[in-house]
């Protein structure tokens, strides 16, 4: 596994260099291995691809050729809907920067053809939901949680409800904080603001 070790050290150096110089290109590095074992000449391969259990020689392409690139921006929603596995995620990537992508998110979720009773496809759904609700601008309130999610298949709806409700709660809490800040700036007593907004005394003091 010497080639793997060499590359592990090498990319560790590159990683540290990038943290110190984020705007610079990586430096060229020449590596040498000094060997002083009892068996000579050195008896093992120094090719990285030989470290893999790879009868189809896939890693030679992965390691030494440009990685395949799929530009999601160049694909239409119609074309992406035909892709069972990667289509929903790529569609989400296309709309993730849009201001209020609620309708697009629901359209993505309703088009899913995954069998979420299977662990692998359940994991895919969770990854997609995590991406949509953490990175996307999805407008959730009490009405949309109950009405818009009714469009979804029942197996998916169960998983959507939890992050949707969390998002709604977070939005409600942020609104309460804004109200609390305004009331406190106007001289209202902390106990009064606590009663009005439902925020704890500790939250109001922070």
N, C-alpha and C. Protein backbone atom coordinates (compact mmCIF):
# COMPACT_ATOMS: atom_id res chain seq x y z
N UNK A 1 0.81 -1.23 0.00
CA UNK A 1 0.00 0.00 0.00
C UNK A 1 0.84 1.28 0.00
N UNK A 2 2.14 1.13 -0.33
CA UNK A 2 3.01 2.31 -0.33
C UNK A 2 2.50 3.44 -1.25
N UNK A 3 2.03 3.13 -2.49
CA UNK A 3 1.53 4.23 -3.33
C UNK A 3 0.37 4.98 -2.68
N UNK A 4 -0.51 4.25 -2.00
CA UNK A 4 -1.63 4.91 -1.30
C UNK A 4 -1.10 5.81 -0.19
N UNK A 5 -0.13 5.33 0.57
CA UNK A 5 0.44 6.13 1.65
C UNK A 5 1.07 7.41 1.11
N UNK A 6 1.82 7.27 -0.01
CA UNK A 6 2.47 8.44 -0.61
C UNK A 6 1.42 9.48 -1.01
N UNK A 7 0.34 9.04 -1.66
CA UNK A 7 -0.70 9.98 -2.09
C UNK A 7 -1.46 10.55 -0.89
N UNK A 8 -1.62 9.77 0.14
CA UNK A 8 -2.28 10.27 1.35
C UNK A 8 -1.47 11.42 1.96
N UNK A 9 -0.15 11.22 2.09
CA UNK A 9 0.71 12.29 2.61
C UNK A 9 0.69 13.50 1.68
N UNK A 10 0.76 13.22 0.39
CA UNK A 10 0.84 14.29 -0.61
C UNK A 10 -0.40 15.18 -0.55
N UNK A 11 -1.58 14.56 -0.55
CA UNK A 11 -2.80 15.37 -0.53
C UNK A 11 -3.04 16.00 0.83
N UNK A 12 -2.48 15.42 1.87
CA UNK A 12 -2.51 16.09 3.17
C UNK A 12 -1.73 17.40 3.12
N UNK A 13 -0.57 17.37 2.47
CA UNK A 13 0.23 18.60 2.29
C UNK A 13 -0.54 19.62 1.45
N UNK A 14 -1.17 19.15 0.37
CA UNK A 14 -1.93 20.06 -0.49
C UNK A 14 -3.10 20.69 0.29
N UNK A 15 -3.75 19.87 1.10
CA UNK A 15 -4.88 20.36 1.89
C UNK A 15 -4.43 21.47 2.84
N UNK A 16 -3.31 21.25 3.51
CA UNK A 16 -2.79 22.26 4.44
C UNK A 16 -2.36 23.52 3.69
N UNK A 17 -1.76 23.34 2.51
CA UNK A 17 -1.33 24.49 1.72
C UNK A 17 -2.52 25.33 1.28
N UNK A 18 -3.63 24.66 0.89
CA UNK A 18 -4.83 25.38 0.45
C UNK A 18 -5.43 26.20 1.58
N UNK A 19 -5.37 25.70 2.79
CA UNK A 19 -5.90 26.46 3.92
C UNK A 19 -5.08 27.71 4.17
N UNK A 20 -3.77 27.62 3.97
CA UNK A 20 -2.90 28.78 4.18
C UNK A 20 -2.93 29.75 3.00
N UNK A 21 -3.14 29.21 1.79
CA UNK A 21 -3.10 30.03 0.58
C UNK A 21 -4.31 29.71 -0.30
N UNK A 22 -5.50 30.10 0.11
CA UNK A 22 -6.72 29.69 -0.60
C UNK A 22 -6.84 30.21 -2.03
N UNK A 23 -6.12 31.27 -2.36
CA UNK A 23 -6.25 31.86 -3.69
C UNK A 23 -5.14 31.45 -4.64
N UNK A 24 -4.22 30.63 -4.17
CA UNK A 24 -3.10 30.22 -5.01
C UNK A 24 -3.33 28.83 -5.57
N UNK A 25 -2.68 28.58 -6.72
CA UNK A 25 -2.67 27.22 -7.25
C UNK A 25 -1.75 26.36 -6.40
N UNK A 26 -1.93 25.06 -6.51
CA UNK A 26 -1.10 24.15 -5.73
C UNK A 26 0.32 24.12 -6.29
N UNK A 27 1.30 23.95 -5.42
CA UNK A 27 2.68 23.85 -5.91
C UNK A 27 2.94 22.47 -6.49
N UNK A 28 3.88 22.39 -7.41
CA UNK A 28 4.30 21.10 -7.95
C UNK A 28 5.18 20.40 -6.92
N UNK A 29 4.94 19.14 -6.69
CA UNK A 29 5.69 18.39 -5.68
C UNK A 29 6.22 17.10 -6.30
N UNK A 30 7.49 16.84 -6.09
CA UNK A 30 8.12 15.62 -6.58
C UNK A 30 8.35 14.70 -5.39
N UNK A 31 7.89 13.47 -5.47
CA UNK A 31 7.99 12.55 -4.34
C UNK A 31 9.04 11.47 -4.57
N UNK A 32 9.70 11.08 -3.50
CA UNK A 32 10.68 10.00 -3.52
C UNK A 32 10.38 9.04 -2.37
N UNK A 33 10.56 7.78 -2.59
CA UNK A 33 10.40 6.78 -1.54
C UNK A 33 11.78 6.15 -1.30
N UNK A 34 12.24 6.23 -0.05
CA UNK A 34 13.50 5.59 0.33
C UNK A 34 13.19 4.27 1.03
N UNK A 35 13.77 3.20 0.53
CA UNK A 35 13.46 1.87 1.03
C UNK A 35 14.72 1.23 1.63
N UNK A 36 14.58 0.59 2.79
CA UNK A 36 15.73 -0.09 3.40
C UNK A 36 15.30 -1.42 4.01
N UNK A 37 14.32 -2.08 3.35
CA UNK A 37 13.85 -3.37 3.85
C UNK A 37 14.84 -4.49 3.59
N UNK A 38 14.55 -5.65 4.15
CA UNK A 38 15.47 -6.79 4.03
C UNK A 38 15.41 -7.44 2.65
N UNK A 39 14.24 -7.40 2.01
CA UNK A 39 14.10 -8.01 0.69
C UNK A 39 14.43 -6.98 -0.39
N UNK A 40 15.34 -7.29 -1.25
CA UNK A 40 15.73 -6.35 -2.30
C UNK A 40 15.94 -7.11 -3.62
N UNK A 41 15.59 -6.53 -4.76
CA UNK A 41 15.02 -5.19 -4.89
C UNK A 41 13.61 -5.10 -4.30
N UNK A 42 13.10 -3.86 -4.18
CA UNK A 42 11.78 -3.61 -3.59
C UNK A 42 10.74 -4.50 -4.27
N UNK A 43 9.99 -5.31 -3.51
CA UNK A 43 9.17 -6.36 -4.13
C UNK A 43 7.74 -5.97 -4.48
N UNK A 44 7.32 -4.75 -4.19
CA UNK A 44 5.91 -4.39 -4.37
C UNK A 44 5.72 -3.36 -5.48
N UNK A 45 4.50 -3.26 -5.95
CA UNK A 45 4.18 -2.27 -7.00
C UNK A 45 4.16 -0.86 -6.41
N UNK A 46 4.58 0.10 -7.19
CA UNK A 46 4.51 1.51 -6.80
C UNK A 46 3.44 2.26 -7.59
N UNK A 47 2.57 1.52 -8.28
CA UNK A 47 1.47 2.13 -9.02
C UNK A 47 0.23 2.19 -8.12
N UNK A 48 -0.38 3.35 -8.07
CA UNK A 48 -1.52 3.54 -7.18
C UNK A 48 -2.68 2.62 -7.55
N UNK A 49 -2.90 2.39 -8.84
CA UNK A 49 -4.04 1.56 -9.25
C UNK A 49 -3.90 0.11 -8.78
N UNK A 50 -2.67 -0.31 -8.47
CA UNK A 50 -2.47 -1.68 -7.99
C UNK A 50 -2.87 -1.85 -6.52
N UNK A 51 -3.23 -0.78 -5.86
CA UNK A 51 -3.70 -0.86 -4.48
C UNK A 51 -5.17 -1.26 -4.39
N UNK A 52 -5.85 -1.33 -5.53
CA UNK A 52 -7.29 -1.58 -5.55
C UNK A 52 -7.62 -3.00 -5.99
N UNK A 53 -8.68 -3.55 -5.44
CA UNK A 53 -9.26 -4.80 -5.93
C UNK A 53 -10.13 -4.41 -7.12
N UNK A 54 -9.55 -4.45 -8.30
CA UNK A 54 -10.18 -3.80 -9.46
C UNK A 54 -9.98 -4.63 -10.72
N UNK A 55 -10.66 -5.77 -10.84
CA UNK A 55 -10.47 -6.63 -12.03
C UNK A 55 -10.90 -5.97 -13.33
N UNK A 56 -11.78 -4.97 -13.28
CA UNK A 56 -12.23 -4.29 -14.50
C UNK A 56 -11.38 -3.08 -14.85
N UNK A 57 -10.36 -2.79 -14.02
CA UNK A 57 -9.44 -1.68 -14.27
C UNK A 57 -10.16 -0.32 -14.33
N UNK A 58 -11.14 -0.18 -13.51
CA UNK A 58 -11.89 1.08 -13.46
C UNK A 58 -11.04 2.21 -12.90
N UNK A 59 -10.20 1.90 -11.89
CA UNK A 59 -9.48 2.96 -11.19
C UNK A 59 -8.42 3.63 -12.06
N UNK A 60 -7.95 2.95 -13.09
CA UNK A 60 -7.00 3.60 -13.99
C UNK A 60 -7.65 4.80 -14.67
N UNK A 61 -8.94 4.66 -15.00
CA UNK A 61 -9.67 5.77 -15.62
C UNK A 61 -10.00 6.85 -14.59
N UNK A 62 -10.36 6.43 -13.39
CA UNK A 62 -10.73 7.39 -12.35
C UNK A 62 -9.51 8.22 -11.93
N UNK A 63 -8.35 7.58 -11.83
CA UNK A 63 -7.17 8.25 -11.29
C UNK A 63 -6.42 9.08 -12.31
N UNK A 64 -6.45 8.66 -13.56
CA UNK A 64 -5.55 9.28 -14.53
C UNK A 64 -6.23 9.93 -15.72
N UNK A 65 -7.52 10.06 -15.67
CA UNK A 65 -8.23 10.77 -16.72
C UNK A 65 -9.14 11.82 -16.10
N UNK A 66 -9.57 12.78 -16.91
CA UNK A 66 -10.49 13.80 -16.41
C UNK A 66 -11.78 13.15 -15.94
N UNK A 67 -12.32 13.59 -14.80
CA UNK A 67 -13.57 12.99 -14.33
C UNK A 67 -14.72 13.37 -15.25
N UNK A 68 -15.67 12.45 -15.47
CA UNK A 68 -16.85 12.79 -16.27
C UNK A 68 -17.61 13.95 -15.63
N UNK A 69 -18.08 14.86 -16.46
CA UNK A 69 -18.78 16.05 -15.96
C UNK A 69 -20.19 16.10 -16.54
N UNK A 70 -21.17 16.31 -15.68
CA UNK A 70 -22.55 16.54 -16.12
C UNK A 70 -22.93 17.95 -15.71
N UNK A 71 -23.11 18.83 -16.67
CA UNK A 71 -23.50 20.21 -16.40
C UNK A 71 -25.02 20.26 -16.31
N UNK A 72 -25.52 20.31 -15.08
CA UNK A 72 -26.97 20.28 -14.86
C UNK A 72 -27.68 21.45 -15.54
N UNK A 73 -26.97 22.56 -15.70
CA UNK A 73 -27.59 23.75 -16.32
C UNK A 73 -27.93 23.53 -17.79
N UNK A 74 -27.28 22.55 -18.41
CA UNK A 74 -27.50 22.30 -19.83
C UNK A 74 -28.62 21.30 -20.09
N UNK A 75 -29.21 20.77 -19.04
CA UNK A 75 -30.25 19.75 -19.18
C UNK A 75 -31.61 20.32 -18.79
N UNK A 76 -32.62 20.02 -19.58
CA UNK A 76 -33.97 20.51 -19.30
C UNK A 76 -34.61 19.68 -18.18
N UNK A 77 -35.63 20.27 -17.54
CA UNK A 77 -36.37 19.54 -16.50
C UNK A 77 -36.98 18.26 -17.07
N UNK A 78 -37.44 18.36 -18.32
CA UNK A 78 -38.06 17.19 -18.97
C UNK A 78 -37.05 16.05 -19.10
N UNK A 79 -35.83 16.39 -19.51
CA UNK A 79 -34.79 15.37 -19.66
C UNK A 79 -34.39 14.79 -18.31
N UNK A 80 -34.32 15.66 -17.30
CA UNK A 80 -33.91 15.20 -15.98
C UNK A 80 -34.96 14.29 -15.34
N UNK A 81 -36.23 14.51 -15.64
CA UNK A 81 -37.29 13.68 -15.06
C UNK A 81 -37.21 12.23 -15.55
N UNK A 82 -36.53 12.03 -16.66
CA UNK A 82 -36.38 10.67 -17.18
C UNK A 82 -35.29 9.90 -16.45
N UNK A 83 -34.48 10.62 -15.67
CA UNK A 83 -33.39 9.99 -14.94
C UNK A 83 -33.87 9.61 -13.55
N UNK A 84 -34.09 8.33 -13.34
CA UNK A 84 -34.70 7.85 -12.09
C UNK A 84 -33.86 8.22 -10.86
N UNK A 85 -32.54 8.03 -10.94
CA UNK A 85 -31.71 8.17 -9.75
C UNK A 85 -31.23 9.60 -9.54
N UNK A 86 -30.55 10.13 -10.53
CA UNK A 86 -29.88 11.42 -10.35
C UNK A 86 -30.75 12.61 -10.74
N UNK A 87 -31.84 12.35 -11.48
CA UNK A 87 -32.68 13.44 -11.97
C UNK A 87 -33.19 14.38 -10.90
N UNK A 88 -33.82 13.88 -9.82
CA UNK A 88 -34.34 14.78 -8.78
C UNK A 88 -33.26 15.66 -8.15
N UNK A 89 -32.08 15.09 -7.89
CA UNK A 89 -31.02 15.89 -7.27
C UNK A 89 -30.49 16.96 -8.21
N UNK A 90 -30.30 16.62 -9.49
CA UNK A 90 -29.82 17.61 -10.45
C UNK A 90 -30.85 18.72 -10.67
N UNK A 91 -32.12 18.37 -10.68
CA UNK A 91 -33.17 19.38 -10.81
C UNK A 91 -33.13 20.32 -9.61
N UNK A 92 -32.94 19.76 -8.43
CA UNK A 92 -32.82 20.59 -7.22
C UNK A 92 -31.63 21.53 -7.33
N UNK A 93 -30.52 21.04 -7.86
CA UNK A 93 -29.33 21.88 -8.03
C UNK A 93 -29.62 23.05 -8.97
N UNK A 94 -30.43 22.80 -10.00
CA UNK A 94 -30.75 23.86 -10.96
C UNK A 94 -31.53 25.01 -10.33
N UNK A 95 -32.35 24.70 -9.32
CA UNK A 95 -33.23 25.73 -8.74
C UNK A 95 -32.81 26.18 -7.35
N UNK A 96 -31.70 25.65 -6.83
CA UNK A 96 -31.37 25.86 -5.42
C UNK A 96 -31.10 27.33 -5.09
N UNK A 97 -30.70 28.14 -6.06
CA UNK A 97 -30.41 29.55 -5.80
C UNK A 97 -31.61 30.45 -6.08
N UNK A 98 -32.72 29.88 -6.51
CA UNK A 98 -33.89 30.69 -6.84
C UNK A 98 -34.56 31.23 -5.58
N UNK A 99 -35.02 32.46 -5.64
CA UNK A 99 -35.76 33.03 -4.52
C UNK A 99 -37.14 32.38 -4.48
N UNK A 100 -37.46 31.74 -3.40
CA UNK A 100 -38.68 30.97 -3.18
C UNK A 100 -38.82 29.86 -4.22
N UNK A 101 -38.23 28.73 -3.92
CA UNK A 101 -38.30 27.56 -4.81
C UNK A 101 -39.30 26.53 -4.28
N UNK A 102 -40.30 26.99 -3.51
CA UNK A 102 -41.26 26.07 -2.90
C UNK A 102 -41.96 25.21 -3.94
N UNK A 103 -42.49 25.84 -4.99
CA UNK A 103 -43.23 25.08 -6.02
C UNK A 103 -42.32 24.11 -6.75
N UNK A 104 -41.09 24.54 -7.05
CA UNK A 104 -40.15 23.66 -7.73
C UNK A 104 -39.78 22.47 -6.85
N UNK A 105 -39.61 22.72 -5.54
CA UNK A 105 -39.28 21.63 -4.62
C UNK A 105 -40.40 20.60 -4.58
N UNK A 106 -41.64 21.07 -4.54
CA UNK A 106 -42.78 20.16 -4.51
C UNK A 106 -42.89 19.38 -5.83
N UNK A 107 -42.60 20.05 -6.93
CA UNK A 107 -42.63 19.38 -8.23
C UNK A 107 -41.57 18.29 -8.30
N UNK A 108 -40.39 18.58 -7.76
CA UNK A 108 -39.31 17.59 -7.72
C UNK A 108 -39.74 16.38 -6.91
N UNK A 109 -40.32 16.63 -5.74
CA UNK A 109 -40.69 15.53 -4.84
C UNK A 109 -41.84 14.70 -5.40
N UNK A 110 -42.78 15.35 -6.11
CA UNK A 110 -43.90 14.59 -6.68
C UNK A 110 -43.46 13.74 -7.87
N UNK A 111 -42.34 14.10 -8.50
CA UNK A 111 -41.89 13.36 -9.69
C UNK A 111 -40.99 12.18 -9.33
N UNK A 112 -40.66 12.03 -8.05
CA UNK A 112 -39.75 10.96 -7.64
C UNK A 112 -40.35 9.59 -7.91
N UNK A 113 -39.54 8.70 -8.46
CA UNK A 113 -40.00 7.34 -8.75
C UNK A 113 -39.30 6.31 -7.85
N UNK A 114 -38.75 6.78 -6.72
CA UNK A 114 -38.04 5.88 -5.84
C UNK A 114 -39.01 5.06 -4.99
N UNK A 115 -38.58 3.87 -4.65
CA UNK A 115 -39.32 3.04 -3.69
C UNK A 115 -38.69 3.27 -2.32
N UNK A 116 -39.30 4.14 -1.53
CA UNK A 116 -38.68 4.57 -0.27
C UNK A 116 -38.79 3.52 0.83
N UNK A 117 -39.37 2.36 0.51
CA UNK A 117 -39.33 1.25 1.47
C UNK A 117 -37.96 0.56 1.44
N UNK A 118 -37.21 0.80 0.37
CA UNK A 118 -35.86 0.24 0.27
C UNK A 118 -34.87 1.17 0.97
N UNK A 119 -33.97 0.63 1.79
CA UNK A 119 -33.04 1.48 2.56
C UNK A 119 -32.21 2.42 1.69
N UNK A 120 -31.72 1.93 0.54
CA UNK A 120 -30.89 2.78 -0.31
C UNK A 120 -31.67 3.98 -0.83
N UNK A 121 -32.91 3.73 -1.28
CA UNK A 121 -33.71 4.82 -1.83
C UNK A 121 -34.24 5.73 -0.72
N UNK A 122 -34.43 5.20 0.46
CA UNK A 122 -34.80 6.01 1.61
C UNK A 122 -33.67 6.98 1.93
N UNK A 123 -32.43 6.49 1.85
CA UNK A 123 -31.27 7.35 2.10
C UNK A 123 -31.16 8.44 1.05
N UNK A 124 -31.45 8.10 -0.22
CA UNK A 124 -31.43 9.10 -1.28
C UNK A 124 -32.44 10.21 -1.01
N UNK A 125 -33.62 9.82 -0.56
CA UNK A 125 -34.66 10.81 -0.27
C UNK A 125 -34.22 11.73 0.86
N UNK A 126 -33.61 11.17 1.89
CA UNK A 126 -33.16 12.00 3.01
C UNK A 126 -32.08 12.98 2.58
N UNK A 127 -31.17 12.52 1.71
CA UNK A 127 -30.14 13.42 1.18
C UNK A 127 -30.78 14.57 0.40
N UNK A 128 -31.76 14.24 -0.42
CA UNK A 128 -32.44 15.26 -1.22
C UNK A 128 -33.19 16.24 -0.33
N UNK A 129 -33.91 15.74 0.65
CA UNK A 129 -34.65 16.61 1.57
C UNK A 129 -33.71 17.51 2.35
N UNK A 130 -32.60 16.95 2.80
CA UNK A 130 -31.62 17.74 3.54
C UNK A 130 -31.09 18.88 2.67
N UNK A 131 -30.81 18.58 1.40
CA UNK A 131 -30.30 19.59 0.48
C UNK A 131 -31.34 20.67 0.23
N UNK A 132 -32.59 20.27 -0.03
CA UNK A 132 -33.65 21.23 -0.34
C UNK A 132 -33.95 22.15 0.83
N UNK A 133 -34.12 21.56 2.02
CA UNK A 133 -34.57 22.35 3.17
C UNK A 133 -33.45 23.14 3.83
N UNK A 134 -32.20 22.70 3.66
CA UNK A 134 -31.09 23.44 4.25
C UNK A 134 -30.52 24.50 3.32
N UNK A 135 -30.53 24.22 2.02
CA UNK A 135 -29.90 25.14 1.07
C UNK A 135 -30.90 25.95 0.26
N UNK A 136 -32.11 25.44 0.09
CA UNK A 136 -33.08 26.12 -0.76
C UNK A 136 -33.93 27.13 -0.01
N UNK A 137 -34.45 28.10 -0.75
CA UNK A 137 -35.37 29.10 -0.18
C UNK A 137 -36.78 28.54 -0.32
N UNK A 138 -37.22 27.80 0.69
CA UNK A 138 -38.54 27.19 0.69
C UNK A 138 -39.41 27.89 1.72
N UNK A 139 -40.52 28.47 1.26
CA UNK A 139 -41.41 29.24 2.13
C UNK A 139 -42.44 28.29 2.73
N UNK A 140 -42.28 28.02 4.00
CA UNK A 140 -43.17 27.09 4.69
C UNK A 140 -43.92 27.82 5.80
N UNK A 141 -45.23 27.65 5.82
CA UNK A 141 -46.03 28.13 6.94
C UNK A 141 -47.07 27.06 7.25
N UNK A 142 -47.91 27.34 8.22
CA UNK A 142 -48.87 26.32 8.65
C UNK A 142 -49.78 25.87 7.51
N UNK A 143 -50.11 26.78 6.60
CA UNK A 143 -51.00 26.42 5.51
C UNK A 143 -50.30 25.51 4.50
N UNK A 144 -49.09 25.89 4.11
CA UNK A 144 -48.41 25.09 3.09
C UNK A 144 -47.99 23.73 3.62
N UNK A 145 -47.65 23.65 4.89
CA UNK A 145 -47.28 22.35 5.45
C UNK A 145 -48.43 21.37 5.29
N UNK A 146 -49.65 21.81 5.53
CA UNK A 146 -50.81 20.91 5.50
C UNK A 146 -51.39 20.73 4.10
N UNK A 147 -51.37 21.78 3.28
CA UNK A 147 -52.03 21.69 1.98
C UNK A 147 -51.10 21.25 0.86
N UNK A 148 -49.96 21.91 0.71
CA UNK A 148 -49.08 21.61 -0.42
C UNK A 148 -48.48 20.22 -0.33
N UNK A 149 -48.18 19.76 0.88
CA UNK A 149 -47.59 18.43 1.00
C UNK A 149 -48.60 17.32 0.71
N UNK A 150 -49.87 17.66 0.64
CA UNK A 150 -50.87 16.65 0.29
C UNK A 150 -50.71 16.16 -1.15
N UNK A 151 -49.99 16.94 -1.97
CA UNK A 151 -49.74 16.54 -3.35
C UNK A 151 -48.75 15.38 -3.45
N UNK A 152 -48.00 15.14 -2.38
CA UNK A 152 -46.93 14.17 -2.42
C UNK A 152 -47.44 12.75 -2.16
N UNK A 153 -46.76 11.75 -2.71
CA UNK A 153 -47.09 10.36 -2.37
C UNK A 153 -46.97 10.15 -0.87
N UNK A 154 -47.81 9.31 -0.30
CA UNK A 154 -47.86 9.14 1.15
C UNK A 154 -46.51 8.70 1.72
N UNK A 155 -45.77 7.85 1.00
CA UNK A 155 -44.49 7.36 1.51
C UNK A 155 -43.48 8.49 1.64
N UNK A 156 -43.54 9.47 0.72
CA UNK A 156 -42.63 10.61 0.76
C UNK A 156 -43.13 11.67 1.72
N UNK A 157 -44.46 11.82 1.80
CA UNK A 157 -45.04 12.86 2.64
C UNK A 157 -44.59 12.73 4.10
N UNK A 158 -44.48 11.50 4.57
CA UNK A 158 -44.08 11.28 5.97
C UNK A 158 -42.69 11.86 6.22
N UNK A 159 -41.78 11.68 5.26
CA UNK A 159 -40.42 12.17 5.44
C UNK A 159 -40.32 13.67 5.26
N UNK A 160 -41.19 14.24 4.42
CA UNK A 160 -41.16 15.67 4.16
C UNK A 160 -41.68 16.46 5.36
N UNK A 161 -42.64 15.91 6.07
CA UNK A 161 -43.30 16.66 7.12
C UNK A 161 -42.33 17.10 8.22
N UNK A 162 -41.40 16.24 8.61
CA UNK A 162 -40.50 16.58 9.71
C UNK A 162 -39.64 17.81 9.40
N UNK A 163 -38.87 17.82 8.28
CA UNK A 163 -38.10 19.04 7.99
C UNK A 163 -38.97 20.24 7.70
N UNK A 164 -40.15 20.02 7.11
CA UNK A 164 -41.05 21.15 6.82
C UNK A 164 -41.53 21.78 8.12
N UNK A 165 -41.91 20.95 9.08
CA UNK A 165 -42.37 21.47 10.36
C UNK A 165 -41.24 22.17 11.10
N UNK A 166 -40.02 21.61 11.00
CA UNK A 166 -38.87 22.25 11.63
C UNK A 166 -38.60 23.61 11.01
N UNK A 167 -38.73 23.69 9.69
CA UNK A 167 -38.51 24.95 8.99
C UNK A 167 -39.56 25.97 9.38
N UNK A 168 -40.81 25.52 9.49
CA UNK A 168 -41.88 26.41 9.90
C UNK A 168 -41.63 26.94 11.30
N UNK A 169 -41.21 26.04 12.20
CA UNK A 169 -40.94 26.44 13.58
C UNK A 169 -39.79 27.43 13.64
N UNK A 170 -38.73 27.17 12.81
CA UNK A 170 -37.60 28.07 12.81
C UNK A 170 -37.98 29.44 12.29
N UNK A 171 -38.81 29.46 11.23
CA UNK A 171 -39.27 30.74 10.70
C UNK A 171 -40.10 31.51 11.69
N UNK A 172 -40.97 30.79 12.41
CA UNK A 172 -41.82 31.42 13.42
C UNK A 172 -40.97 31.99 14.54
N UNK A 173 -39.93 31.26 14.95
CA UNK A 173 -39.07 31.71 16.03
C UNK A 173 -38.27 32.93 15.62
N UNK A 174 -37.80 32.95 14.37
CA UNK A 174 -37.05 34.11 13.89
C UNK A 174 -37.93 35.35 13.86
N UNK A 175 -39.19 35.17 13.47
CA UNK A 175 -40.13 36.30 13.47
C UNK A 175 -40.35 36.80 14.89
N UNK A 176 -40.46 35.87 15.84
CA UNK A 176 -40.65 36.25 17.25
C UNK A 176 -39.45 37.03 17.76
N UNK A 177 -38.25 36.62 17.34
CA UNK A 177 -37.04 37.32 17.78
C UNK A 177 -37.01 38.76 17.25
N UNK A 178 -37.45 38.93 15.99
CA UNK A 178 -37.49 40.28 15.42
C UNK A 178 -38.45 41.17 16.21
N UNK A 179 -39.62 40.63 16.56
CA UNK A 179 -40.59 41.38 17.36
C UNK A 179 -40.00 41.71 18.72
N UNK A 180 -39.33 40.72 19.34
CA UNK A 180 -38.76 40.93 20.67
C UNK A 180 -37.72 42.03 20.65
N UNK A 181 -36.87 42.05 19.63
CA UNK A 181 -35.82 43.08 19.53
C UNK A 181 -36.45 44.48 19.46
N UNK A 182 -37.52 44.60 18.65
CA UNK A 182 -38.19 45.89 18.52
C UNK A 182 -38.82 46.33 19.84
N UNK A 183 -39.46 45.40 20.53
CA UNK A 183 -40.11 45.74 21.80
C UNK A 183 -39.08 46.14 22.85
N UNK A 184 -37.98 45.41 22.93
CA UNK A 184 -36.94 45.72 23.91
C UNK A 184 -36.29 47.07 23.63
N UNK A 185 -36.10 47.37 22.33
CA UNK A 185 -35.51 48.67 21.96
C UNK A 185 -36.43 49.82 22.34
N UNK A 186 -37.74 49.54 22.34
CA UNK A 186 -38.71 50.58 22.70
C UNK A 186 -38.92 50.67 24.20
N UNK A 187 -38.17 49.88 24.98
CA UNK A 187 -38.22 50.00 26.43
C UNK A 187 -39.17 49.05 27.11
N UNK A 188 -39.71 48.06 26.43
CA UNK A 188 -40.64 47.13 27.07
C UNK A 188 -39.90 46.25 28.08
N UNK A 189 -40.60 45.85 29.15
CA UNK A 189 -40.03 44.98 30.15
C UNK A 189 -39.80 43.58 29.57
N UNK A 190 -38.72 42.94 30.04
CA UNK A 190 -38.39 41.60 29.56
C UNK A 190 -39.52 40.61 29.82
N UNK A 191 -40.13 40.69 30.99
CA UNK A 191 -41.22 39.77 31.34
C UNK A 191 -42.40 39.93 30.39
N UNK A 192 -42.68 41.17 29.98
CA UNK A 192 -43.77 41.44 29.06
C UNK A 192 -43.46 40.85 27.67
N UNK A 193 -42.20 41.04 27.19
CA UNK A 193 -41.79 40.52 25.88
C UNK A 193 -41.83 39.00 25.89
N UNK A 194 -41.42 38.41 27.00
CA UNK A 194 -41.46 36.95 27.15
C UNK A 194 -42.90 36.44 26.99
N UNK A 195 -43.83 37.14 27.60
CA UNK A 195 -45.23 36.73 27.55
C UNK A 195 -45.80 36.87 26.13
N UNK A 196 -45.41 37.93 25.44
CA UNK A 196 -45.94 38.21 24.10
C UNK A 196 -45.37 37.24 23.06
N UNK A 197 -44.04 37.02 23.10
CA UNK A 197 -43.37 36.26 22.04
C UNK A 197 -43.22 34.77 22.35
N UNK A 198 -43.27 34.41 23.62
CA UNK A 198 -43.05 33.01 23.98
C UNK A 198 -41.60 32.63 24.08
N UNK A 199 -40.68 33.58 23.82
CA UNK A 199 -39.25 33.31 23.94
C UNK A 199 -38.87 33.26 25.42
N UNK A 200 -37.86 32.42 25.74
CA UNK A 200 -37.43 32.30 27.12
C UNK A 200 -36.66 33.55 27.55
N UNK A 201 -36.54 33.72 28.86
CA UNK A 201 -35.79 34.86 29.41
C UNK A 201 -34.35 34.79 28.96
N UNK A 202 -33.79 33.56 28.92
CA UNK A 202 -32.40 33.39 28.48
C UNK A 202 -32.22 33.83 27.03
N UNK A 203 -33.19 33.50 26.16
CA UNK A 203 -33.11 33.89 24.75
C UNK A 203 -33.22 35.40 24.61
N UNK A 204 -34.04 36.02 25.44
CA UNK A 204 -34.20 37.47 25.38
C UNK A 204 -32.98 38.20 25.92
N UNK A 205 -32.23 37.55 26.80
CA UNK A 205 -31.06 38.18 27.40
C UNK A 205 -29.83 38.05 26.52
N UNK A 206 -29.85 37.10 25.57
CA UNK A 206 -28.68 36.84 24.72
C UNK A 206 -28.56 37.88 23.62
